[in-house]
Amino acid sequence: MEKTARRRHNGAMGWKRLSDGDWYLLHTLVHVALADGQVVPMEVAFIDSVMKALHLEDEDRARVKSMLRGEVPLPPADVKPPAELTYQRKQDVFRDAISLAFSDGVFADAEKDLINQLVQKLGLHPGDMQILWDRAKRHYLDG
């Protein structure tokens, strides 16, 4: 999605105050949370903490939570990452997505597939991401 189309889409989805990079992060997290067909309280809390860190207004946060409940339409899942994302920011998106996927203690196949697609979309080297995979697994699954 080109930048102007993304901005128009951001406004329609209630995320108009976000930079393209922040919008992409939140977009990714919403899709990861919904990947396995159920959104659990830990996933909502994780996304809520990200929204607070991004200083999203209450109205916009409520809209995102409505998306998580299936009450409003989602932006398409196949959105390309913004061209201006640095490699570090791409790693941050991956780290937050993998942490969210592990946060409920179950790493569903649908979440794994979506995360693998994310690595490809972001242009990240899978080997570079192994450390983040392992760290998230240890933190969330191995306790």
Protein backbone atom coordinates (compact mmCIF):
# COMPACT_ATOMS: atom_id res chain seq x y z
CA MET A 1 0.00 0.00 0.00
CA GLU A 2 1.52 3.32 -0.98
CA LYS A 3 2.10 6.00 1.64
CA THR A 4 -0.87 8.22 0.73
CA ALA A 5 -3.19 5.23 0.58
CA ARG A 6 -1.88 4.05 3.95
CA ARG A 7 -2.50 7.48 5.48
CA ARG A 8 -6.05 7.48 4.10
CA HIS A 9 -6.53 3.95 5.46
CA ASN A 10 -5.04 4.97 8.83
CA GLY A 11 -7.63 7.70 9.16
CA ALA A 12 -10.44 5.34 8.27
CA MET A 13 -9.25 2.84 10.85
CA GLY A 14 -8.88 5.39 13.63
CA TRP A 15 -5.08 5.41 13.66
CA LYS A 16 -4.53 8.69 11.83
CA ARG A 17 -2.24 10.15 14.48
CA LEU A 18 0.38 7.43 14.11
CA SER A 19 3.52 7.48 12.01
CA ASP A 20 3.59 4.87 9.26
CA GLY A 21 6.00 2.76 11.32
CA ASP A 22 3.81 2.87 14.44
CA TRP A 23 0.72 2.14 12.34
CA TYR A 24 2.45 -0.89 10.83
CA LEU A 25 3.46 -2.16 14.28
CA LEU A 26 -0.08 -1.90 15.61
CA HIS A 27 -1.55 -3.36 12.41
CA THR A 28 0.81 -6.33 12.72
CA LEU A 29 -0.02 -6.92 16.38
CA VAL A 30 -3.77 -6.89 15.75
CA HIS A 31 -3.37 -9.51 13.01
CA VAL A 32 -1.08 -11.68 15.16
CA ALA A 33 -3.58 -11.57 18.03
CA LEU A 34 -6.37 -12.67 15.70
CA ALA A 35 -4.33 -15.30 13.83
CA ASP A 36 -5.40 -18.27 15.95
CA GLY A 37 -9.06 -17.28 16.00
CA GLN A 38 -9.22 -16.15 19.61
CA VAL A 39 -7.91 -13.12 21.43
CA VAL A 40 -7.13 -13.73 25.09
CA PRO A 41 -6.81 -11.10 27.84
CA MET A 42 -3.00 -11.30 27.86
CA GLU A 43 -2.93 -10.39 24.16
CA VAL A 44 -5.31 -7.48 24.71
CA ALA A 45 -3.14 -6.27 27.61
CA PHE A 46 0.00 -6.50 25.46
CA ILE A 47 -1.58 -4.48 22.64
CA ASP A 48 -2.99 -2.01 25.16
CA SER A 49 0.49 -1.41 26.57
CA VAL A 50 1.78 -0.74 23.05
CA MET A 51 -1.10 1.67 22.40
CA LYS A 52 -0.30 3.51 25.63
CA ALA A 53 3.37 3.74 24.66
CA LEU A 54 2.30 5.17 21.29
CA HIS A 55 0.07 7.70 23.11
CA LEU A 56 -3.02 6.60 21.22
CA GLU A 57 -6.10 8.51 22.31
CA ASP A 58 -8.90 6.70 24.14
CA GLU A 59 -11.22 6.77 21.12
CA ASP A 60 -8.57 5.18 18.90
CA ARG A 61 -7.71 2.57 21.55
CA ALA A 62 -11.39 1.67 21.84
CA ARG A 63 -11.56 1.23 18.06
CA VAL A 64 -8.57 -1.13 18.09
CA LYS A 65 -10.18 -3.15 20.88
CA SER A 66 -13.35 -3.30 18.77
CA MET A 67 -11.24 -4.77 15.96
CA LEU A 68 -9.91 -7.39 18.36
CA ARG A 69 -13.50 -8.29 19.29
CA GLY A 70 -14.49 -8.52 15.62
CA GLU A 71 -16.90 -5.60 15.86
CA VAL A 72 -15.28 -3.46 13.14
CA PRO A 73 -13.40 -4.39 9.96
CA LEU A 74 -9.67 -4.92 9.95
CA PRO A 75 -7.21 -3.41 7.52
CA PRO A 76 -5.99 -6.03 5.02
CA ALA A 77 -3.35 -8.42 6.39
CA ASP A 78 -1.09 -8.17 3.34
CA VAL A 79 -0.02 -4.54 3.85
CA LYS A 80 3.62 -3.97 2.94
CA PRO A 81 5.85 -2.43 5.60
CA PRO A 82 6.68 1.26 5.14
CA ALA A 83 9.81 1.75 3.06
CA GLU A 84 11.33 4.06 5.65
CA LEU A 85 11.48 1.39 8.39
CA THR A 86 15.06 0.91 9.51
CA TYR A 87 16.41 -2.59 10.02
CA GLN A 88 16.32 -1.97 13.79
CA ARG A 89 12.68 -0.89 13.65
CA LYS A 90 11.85 -3.98 11.58
CA GLN A 91 13.48 -6.10 14.29
CA ASP A 92 11.40 -4.25 16.89
CA VAL A 93 8.19 -5.05 14.99
CA PHE A 94 9.26 -8.70 14.80
CA ARG A 95 10.20 -8.80 18.50
CA ASP A 96 6.85 -7.34 19.57
CA ALA A 97 4.94 -9.66 17.22
CA ILE A 98 6.73 -12.76 18.51
CA SER A 99 6.31 -11.64 22.12
CA LEU A 100 2.59 -11.16 21.53
CA ALA A 101 2.30 -14.57 19.86
CA PHE A 102 3.94 -16.26 22.86
CA SER A 103 2.21 -14.11 25.52
CA ASP A 104 -0.74 -16.46 26.05
CA GLY A 105 1.55 -19.45 26.57
CA VAL A 106 0.43 -21.09 23.32
CA PHE A 107 2.22 -20.56 20.01
CA ALA A 108 -0.41 -21.64 17.50
CA ASP A 109 0.49 -22.79 13.98
CA ALA A 110 -1.48 -19.87 12.50
CA GLU A 111 0.60 -17.44 14.58
CA LYS A 112 3.81 -19.16 13.52
CA ASP A 113 2.81 -18.93 9.85
CA LEU A 114 1.98 -15.24 10.19
CA ILE A 115 5.29 -14.55 11.98
CA ASN A 116 7.23 -16.40 9.25
CA GLN A 117 5.44 -14.30 6.61
CA LEU A 118 6.32 -11.19 8.61
CA VAL A 119 10.02 -12.09 8.55
CA GLN A 120 9.84 -12.32 4.76
CA LYS A 121 7.78 -9.12 4.35
CA LEU A 122 10.20 -7.18 6.54
CA GLY A 123 13.21 -8.56 4.67
CA LEU A 124 14.73 -9.95 7.85
CA HIS A 125 17.18 -12.82 7.77
CA PRO A 126 15.59 -15.78 9.59
CA GLY A 127 18.91 -16.66 11.22
CA ASP A 128 19.16 -13.18 12.72
CA MET A 129 15.72 -13.62 14.25
CA GLN A 130 16.53 -16.92 15.97
CA ILE A 131 17.88 -15.13 19.05
CA LEU A 132 14.60 -13.24 19.41
CA TRP A 133 12.57 -16.44 18.85
CA ASP A 134 14.59 -18.24 21.53
CA ARG A 135 14.38 -15.34 24.00
CA ALA A 136 10.60 -15.05 23.63
CA LYS A 137 10.16 -18.82 23.92
CA ARG A 138 12.23 -18.94 27.11
CA HIS A 139 10.43 -15.96 28.61
CA TYR A 140 6.87 -16.97 27.80
CA LEU A 141 6.85 -20.75 27.46
CA ASP A 142 9.72 -22.03 29.57
CA GLY A 143 8.94 -19.61 32.37
